[in-house]
Amino acid sequence: MQEPTIDRAAMGRLAKALSFICGPQHPTTIALQTASDSGAERDIKAARAAFLKLKPSDRNSALAMLRDVD
């Protein structure tokens, strides 16, 4: 089974949500913004790994913010 992919625009929106929740200088926020800007596979993998290491409450809050916007 292939892992789901997140497009660059979605990573940018997720970075903005995390900027509000965790702060703009949080390493995960920076990793997501870098992945969104570059689109490089290496950056995307690093951002995904960093996002998965967040506290579940922070992850859920960021994803809820994305759902509210759509």
PDB file of N, CA and C in Angstrom:
ATOM      1  N   MET A   1       0.827  -1.181   0.000  1.00  0.00           N
ATOM      2  CA  MET A   1       0.000   0.000   0.000  1.00  0.00           C
ATOM      3  C   MET A   1       0.871   1.242   0.000  1.00  0.00           C
ATOM      4  N   GLN A   2       0.574   2.155  -0.899  1.00  0.00           N
ATOM      5  CA  GLN A   2       1.362   3.366  -1.029  1.00  0.00           C
ATOM      6  C   GLN A   2       0.913   4.413  -0.015  1.00  0.00           C
ATOM      7  N   GLU A   3       1.880   5.143   0.551  1.00  0.00           N
ATOM      8  CA  GLU A   3       1.557   6.198   1.509  1.00  0.00           C
ATOM      9  C   GLU A   3       0.894   7.361   0.782  1.00  0.00           C
ATOM     10  N   PRO A   4      -0.075   7.990   1.426  1.00  0.00           N
ATOM     11  CA  PRO A   4      -0.711   9.141   0.774  1.00  0.00           C
ATOM     12  C   PRO A   4       0.278  10.285   0.619  1.00  0.00           C
ATOM     13  N   THR A   5       0.116  11.052  -0.428  1.00  0.00           N
ATOM     14  CA  THR A   5       0.982  12.197  -0.650  1.00  0.00           C
ATOM     15  C   THR A   5       0.200  13.478  -0.395  1.00  0.00           C
ATOM     16  N   ILE A   6       0.913  14.503   0.004  1.00  0.00           N
ATOM     17  CA  ILE A   6       0.310  15.807   0.242  1.00  0.00           C
ATOM     18  C   ILE A   6       0.923  16.760  -0.769  1.00  0.00           C
ATOM     19  N   ASP A   7       0.086  17.491  -1.491  1.00  0.00           N
ATOM     20  CA  ASP A   7       0.623  18.406  -2.491  1.00  0.00           C
ATOM     21  C   ASP A   7       1.264  19.619  -1.821  1.00  0.00           C
ATOM     22  N   ARG A   8       2.014  20.353  -2.616  1.00  0.00           N
ATOM     23  CA  ARG A   8       2.762  21.491  -2.084  1.00  0.00           C
ATOM     24  C   ARG A   8       1.850  22.557  -1.493  1.00  0.00           C
ATOM     25  N   ALA A   9       0.726  22.796  -2.130  1.00  0.00           N
ATOM     26  CA  ALA A   9      -0.198  23.821  -1.626  1.00  0.00           C
ATOM     27  C   ALA A   9      -0.749  23.429  -0.261  1.00  0.00           C
ATOM     28  N   ALA A  10      -1.072  22.141  -0.100  1.00  0.00           N
ATOM     29  CA  ALA A  10      -1.584  21.669   1.193  1.00  0.00           C
ATOM     30  C   ALA A  10      -0.515  21.799   2.278  1.00  0.00           C
ATOM     31  N   MET A  11       0.733  21.530   1.930  1.00  0.00           N
ATOM     32  CA  MET A  11       1.807  21.696   2.916  1.00  0.00           C
ATOM     33  C   MET A  11       1.953  23.152   3.315  1.00  0.00           C
ATOM     34  N   GLY A  12       1.788  24.042   2.378  1.00  0.00           N
ATOM     35  CA  GLY A  12       1.848  25.466   2.698  1.00  0.00           C
ATOM     36  C   GLY A  12       0.731  25.882   3.639  1.00  0.00           C
ATOM     37  N   ARG A  13      -0.495  25.383   3.392  1.00  0.00           N
ATOM     38  CA  ARG A  13      -1.617  25.694   4.281  1.00  0.00           C
ATOM     39  C   ARG A  13      -1.395  25.077   5.659  1.00  0.00           C
ATOM     40  N   LEU A  14      -0.844  23.879   5.693  1.00  0.00           N
ATOM     41  CA  LEU A  14      -0.558  23.218   6.964  1.00  0.00           C
ATOM     42  C   LEU A  14       0.517  23.990   7.731  1.00  0.00           C
ATOM     43  N   ALA A  15       1.513  24.508   7.019  1.00  0.00           N
ATOM     44  CA  ALA A  15       2.550  25.319   7.665  1.00  0.00           C
ATOM     45  C   ALA A  15       1.947  26.575   8.288  1.00  0.00           C
ATOM     46  N   LYS A  16       0.993  27.202   7.594  1.00  0.00           N
ATOM     47  CA  LYS A  16       0.346  28.399   8.140  1.00  0.00           C
ATOM     48  C   LYS A  16      -0.464  28.059   9.383  1.00  0.00           C
ATOM     49  N   ALA A  17      -1.153  26.929   9.363  1.00  0.00           N
ATOM     50  CA  ALA A  17      -1.921  26.510  10.540  1.00  0.00           C
ATOM     51  C   ALA A  17      -0.988  26.242  11.714  1.00  0.00           C
ATOM     52  N   LEU A  18       0.115  25.549  11.454  1.00  0.00           N
ATOM     53  CA  LEU A  18       1.063  25.260  12.532  1.00  0.00           C
ATOM     54  C   LEU A  18       1.763  26.517  13.020  1.00  0.00           C
ATOM     55  N   SER A  19       1.928  27.485  12.158  1.00  0.00           N
ATOM     56  CA  SER A  19       2.512  28.753  12.574  1.00  0.00           C
ATOM     57  C   SER A  19       1.643  29.397  13.637  1.00  0.00           C
ATOM     58  N   PHE A  20       0.342  29.283  13.484  1.00  0.00           N
ATOM     59  CA  PHE A  20      -0.592  29.826  14.468  1.00  0.00           C
ATOM     60  C   PHE A  20      -0.567  28.997  15.753  1.00  0.00           C
ATOM     61  N   ILE A  21      -0.498  27.672  15.619  1.00  0.00           N
ATOM     62  CA  ILE A  21      -0.581  26.779  16.782  1.00  0.00           C
ATOM     63  C   ILE A  21       0.741  26.694  17.536  1.00  0.00           C
ATOM     64  N   CYS A  22       1.821  26.449  16.811  1.00  0.00           N
ATOM     65  CA  CYS A  22       3.127  26.198  17.443  1.00  0.00           C
ATOM     66  C   CYS A  22       4.090  27.385  17.357  1.00  0.00           C
ATOM     67  N   GLY A  23       3.813  28.297  16.450  1.00  0.00           N
ATOM     68  CA  GLY A  23       4.694  29.444  16.255  1.00  0.00           C
ATOM     69  C   GLY A  23       5.468  29.331  14.948  1.00  0.00           C
ATOM     70  N   PRO A  24       5.822  30.468  14.377  1.00  0.00           N
ATOM     71  CA  PRO A  24       6.493  30.463  13.075  1.00  0.00           C
ATOM     72  C   PRO A  24       7.924  29.928  13.111  1.00  0.00           C
ATOM     73  N   GLN A  25       8.543  29.905  14.283  1.00  0.00           N
ATOM     74  CA  GLN A  25       9.916  29.419  14.381  1.00  0.00           C
ATOM     75  C   GLN A  25      10.011  27.964  14.831  1.00  0.00           C
ATOM     76  N   HIS A  26       8.869  27.310  14.975  1.00  0.00           N
ATOM     77  CA  HIS A  26       8.868  25.895  15.370  1.00  0.00           C
ATOM     78  C   HIS A  26       9.502  25.076  14.243  1.00  0.00           C
ATOM     79  N   PRO A  27      10.343  24.109  14.569  1.00  0.00           N
ATOM     80  CA  PRO A  27      11.018  23.314  13.529  1.00  0.00           C
ATOM     81  C   PRO A  27      10.065  22.633  12.541  1.00  0.00           C
ATOM     82  N   THR A  28       8.916  22.184  13.005  1.00  0.00           N
ATOM     83  CA  THR A  28       7.973  21.527  12.105  1.00  0.00           C
ATOM     84  C   THR A  28       7.350  22.540  11.146  1.00  0.00           C
ATOM     85  N   THR A  29       7.043  23.721  11.640  1.00  0.00           N
ATOM     86  CA  THR A  29       6.510  24.778  10.785  1.00  0.00           C
ATOM     87  C   THR A  29       7.516  25.115   9.688  1.00  0.00           C
ATOM     88  N   ILE A  30       8.762  25.252  10.074  1.00  0.00           N
ATOM     89  CA  ILE A  30       9.821  25.580   9.117  1.00  0.00           C
ATOM     90  C   ILE A  30       9.994  24.448   8.107  1.00  0.00           C
ATOM     91  N   ALA A  31       9.965  23.202   8.576  1.00  0.00           N
ATOM     92  CA  ALA A  31      10.123  22.055   7.675  1.00  0.00           C
ATOM     93  C   ALA A  31       8.988  21.992   6.662  1.00  0.00           C
ATOM     94  N   LEU A  32       7.759  22.239   7.099  1.00  0.00           N
ATOM     95  CA  LEU A  32       6.620  22.219   6.178  1.00  0.00           C
ATOM     96  C   LEU A  32       6.697  23.357   5.172  1.00  0.00           C
ATOM     97  N   GLN A  33       7.105  24.525   5.622  1.00  0.00           N
ATOM     98  CA  GLN A  33       7.226  25.653   4.699  1.00  0.00           C
ATOM     99  C   GLN A  33       8.337  25.405   3.683  1.00  0.00           C
ATOM    100  N   THR A  34       9.443  24.830   4.129  1.00  0.00           N
ATOM    101  CA  THR A  34      10.540  24.508   3.221  1.00  0.00           C
ATOM    102  C   THR A  34      10.093  23.492   2.179  1.00  0.00           C
ATOM    103  N   ALA A  35       9.371  22.471   2.616  1.00  0.00           N
ATOM    104  CA  ALA A  35       8.871  21.456   1.687  1.00  0.00           C
ATOM    105  C   ALA A  35       7.888  22.061   0.698  1.00  0.00           C
ATOM    106  N   SER A  36       7.054  22.965   1.168  1.00  0.00           N
ATOM    107  CA  SER A  36       6.090  23.631   0.297  1.00  0.00           C
ATOM    108  C   SER A  36       6.802  24.485  -0.746  1.00  0.00           C
ATOM    109  N   ASP A  37       7.836  25.187  -0.320  1.00  0.00           N
ATOM    110  CA  ASP A  37       8.564  26.067  -1.234  1.00  0.00           C
ATOM    111  C   ASP A  37       9.388  25.295  -2.254  1.00  0.00           C
ATOM    112  N   SER A  38      10.071  24.248  -1.802  1.00  0.00           N
ATOM    113  CA  SER A  38      10.998  23.543  -2.697  1.00  0.00           C
ATOM    114  C   SER A  38      10.340  22.417  -3.483  1.00  0.00           C
ATOM    115  N   GLY A  39       9.453  21.670  -2.831  1.00  0.00           N
ATOM    116  CA  GLY A  39       8.837  20.520  -3.484  1.00  0.00           C
ATOM    117  C   GLY A  39       9.779  19.332  -3.623  1.00  0.00           C
ATOM    118  N   ALA A  40      10.958  19.418  -3.024  1.00  0.00           N
ATOM    119  CA  ALA A  40      11.947  18.343  -3.108  1.00  0.00           C
ATOM    120  C   ALA A  40      11.501  17.153  -2.254  1.00  0.00           C
ATOM    121  N   GLU A  41      11.700  15.967  -2.775  1.00  0.00           N
ATOM    122  CA  GLU A  41      11.288  14.746  -2.078  1.00  0.00           C
ATOM    123  C   GLU A  41      11.921  14.650  -0.697  1.00  0.00           C
ATOM    124  N   ARG A  42      13.177  15.037  -0.590  1.00  0.00           N
ATOM    125  CA  ARG A  42      13.899  14.988   0.693  1.00  0.00           C
ATOM    126  C   ARG A  42      13.228  15.909   1.712  1.00  0.00           C
ATOM    127  N   ASP A  43      12.849  17.118   1.283  1.00  0.00           N
ATOM    128  CA  ASP A  43      12.189  18.075   2.180  1.00  0.00           C
ATOM    129  C   ASP A  43      10.798  17.590   2.579  1.00  0.00           C
ATOM    130  N   ILE A  44      10.086  16.982   1.638  1.00  0.00           N
ATOM    131  CA  ILE A  44       8.748  16.470   1.918  1.00  0.00           C
ATOM    132  C   ILE A  44       8.810  15.353   2.950  1.00  0.00           C
ATOM    133  N   LYS A  45       9.774  14.446   2.800  1.00  0.00           N
ATOM    134  CA  LYS A  45       9.916  13.355   3.770  1.00  0.00           C
ATOM    135  C   LYS A  45      10.259  13.891   5.151  1.00  0.00           C
ATOM    136  N   ALA A  46      11.139  14.881   5.213  1.00  0.00           N
ATOM    137  CA  ALA A  46      11.530  15.461   6.505  1.00  0.00           C
ATOM    138  C   ALA A  46      10.337  16.170   7.156  1.00  0.00           C
ATOM    139  N   ALA A  47       9.552  16.881   6.359  1.00  0.00           N
ATOM    140  CA  ALA A  47       8.388  17.591   6.901  1.00  0.00           C
ATOM    141  C   ALA A  47       7.348  16.607   7.409  1.00  0.00           C
ATOM    142  N   ARG A  48       7.123  15.547   6.666  1.00  0.00           N
ATOM    143  CA  ARG A  48       6.144  14.539   7.088  1.00  0.00           C
ATOM    144  C   ARG A  48       6.575  13.883   8.401  1.00  0.00           C
ATOM    145  N   ALA A  49       7.855  13.548   8.493  1.00  0.00           N
ATOM    146  CA  ALA A  49       8.371  12.931   9.717  1.00  0.00           C
ATOM    147  C   ALA A  49       8.237  13.887  10.904  1.00  0.00           C
ATOM    148  N   ALA A  50       8.542  15.151  10.688  1.00  0.00           N
ATOM    149  CA  ALA A  50       8.431  16.139  11.764  1.00  0.00           C
ATOM    150  C   ALA A  50       6.971  16.317  12.187  1.00  0.00           C
ATOM    151  N   PHE A  51       6.064  16.322  11.215  1.00  0.00           N
ATOM    152  CA  PHE A  51       4.645  16.482  11.529  1.00  0.00           C
ATOM    153  C   PHE A  51       4.140  15.307  12.361  1.00  0.00           C
ATOM    154  N   LEU A  52       4.577  14.110  12.023  1.00  0.00           N
ATOM    155  CA  LEU A  52       4.138  12.925  12.760  1.00  0.00           C
ATOM    156  C   LEU A  52       4.694  12.872  14.181  1.00  0.00           C
ATOM    157  N   LYS A  53       5.785  13.600  14.438  1.00  0.00           N
ATOM    158  CA  LYS A  53       6.370  13.641  15.775  1.00  0.00           C
ATOM    159  C   LYS A  53       5.695  14.662  16.696  1.00  0.00           C
ATOM    160  N   LEU A  54       4.842  15.518  16.114  1.00  0.00           N
ATOM    161  CA  LEU A  54       4.130  16.495  16.941  1.00  0.00           C
ATOM    162  C   LEU A  54       3.202  15.800  17.927  1.00  0.00           C
ATOM    163  N   LYS A  55       2.833  16.519  18.975  1.00  0.00           N
ATOM    164  CA  LYS A  55       1.823  16.007  19.897  1.00  0.00           C
ATOM    165  C   LYS A  55       0.533  15.799  19.115  1.00  0.00           C
ATOM    166  N   PRO A  56      -0.201  14.740  19.417  1.00  0.00           N
ATOM    167  CA  PRO A  56      -1.459  14.495  18.698  1.00  0.00           C
ATOM    168  C   PRO A  56      -2.418  15.690  18.739  1.00  0.00           C
ATOM    169  N   SER A  57      -2.453  16.403  19.831  1.00  0.00           N
ATOM    170  CA  SER A  57      -3.361  17.554  19.926  1.00  0.00           C
ATOM    171  C   SER A  57      -2.961  18.650  18.926  1.00  0.00           C
ATOM    172  N   ASP A  58      -1.664  18.874  18.745  1.00  0.00           N
ATOM    173  CA  ASP A  58      -1.205  19.876  17.776  1.00  0.00           C
ATOM    174  C   ASP A  58      -1.515  19.437  16.349  1.00  0.00           C
ATOM    175  N   ARG A  59      -1.276  18.152  16.065  1.00  0.00           N
ATOM    176  CA  ARG A  59      -1.596  17.627  14.723  1.00  0.00           C
ATOM    177  C   ARG A  59      -3.079  17.762  14.433  1.00  0.00           C
ATOM    178  N   ASN A  60      -3.908  17.341  15.373  1.00  0.00           N
ATOM    179  CA  ASN A  60      -5.354  17.394  15.169  1.00  0.00           C
ATOM    180  C   ASN A  60      -5.848  18.833  15.030  1.00  0.00           C
ATOM    181  N   SER A  61      -5.278  19.734  15.789  1.00  0.00           N
ATOM    182  CA  SER A  61      -5.680  21.145  15.691  1.00  0.00           C
ATOM    183  C   SER A  61      -5.341  21.721  14.323  1.00  0.00           C
ATOM    184  N   ALA A  62      -4.159  21.407  13.830  1.00  0.00           N
ATOM    185  CA  ALA A  62      -3.751  21.910  12.512  1.00  0.00           C
ATOM    186  C   ALA A  62      -4.641  21.329  11.416  1.00  0.00           C
ATOM    187  N   LEU A  63      -4.928  20.061  11.493  1.00  0.00           N
ATOM    188  CA  LEU A  63      -5.778  19.440  10.486  1.00  0.00           C
ATOM    189  C   LEU A  63      -7.207  19.970  10.574  1.00  0.00           C
ATOM    190  N   ALA A  64      -7.684  20.252  11.773  1.00  0.00           N
ATOM    191  CA  ALA A  64      -9.015  20.817  11.941  1.00  0.00           C
ATOM    192  C   ALA A  64      -9.077  22.218  11.329  1.00  0.00           C
ATOM    193  N   MET A  65      -8.010  22.984  11.465  1.00  0.00           N
ATOM    194  CA  MET A  65      -7.980  24.309  10.859  1.00  0.00           C
ATOM    195  C   MET A  65      -8.061  24.211   9.335  1.00  0.00           C
ATOM    196  N   LEU A  66      -7.419  23.212   8.769  1.00  0.00           N
ATOM    197  CA  LEU A  66      -7.493  23.021   7.317  1.00  0.00           C
ATOM    198  C   LEU A  66      -8.902  22.646   6.888  1.00  0.00           C
ATOM    199  N   ARG A  67      -9.557  21.812   7.668  1.00  0.00           N
ATOM    200  CA  ARG A  67     -10.929  21.415   7.336  1.00  0.00           C
ATOM    201  C   ARG A  67     -11.880  22.603   7.423  1.00  0.00           C
ATOM    202  N   ASP A  68     -11.658  23.495   8.381  1.00  0.00           N
ATOM    203  CA  ASP A  68     -12.528  24.655   8.557  1.00  0.00           C
ATOM    204  C   ASP A  68     -12.400  25.638   7.389  1.00  0.00           C
ATOM    205  N   VAL A  69     -11.213  25.714   6.803  1.00  0.00           N
ATOM    206  CA  VAL A  69     -10.958  26.646   5.702  1.00  0.00           C
ATOM    207  C   VAL A  69     -11.626  26.155   4.421  1.00  0.00           C
ATOM    208  N   ASP A  70     -11.617  24.870   4.184  1.00  0.00           N
ATOM    209  CA  ASP A  70     -12.148  24.320   2.926  1.00  0.00           C
ATOM    210  C   ASP A  70     -13.606  24.404   2.857  1.00  0.00           C
TER     211      ASP A  70
END
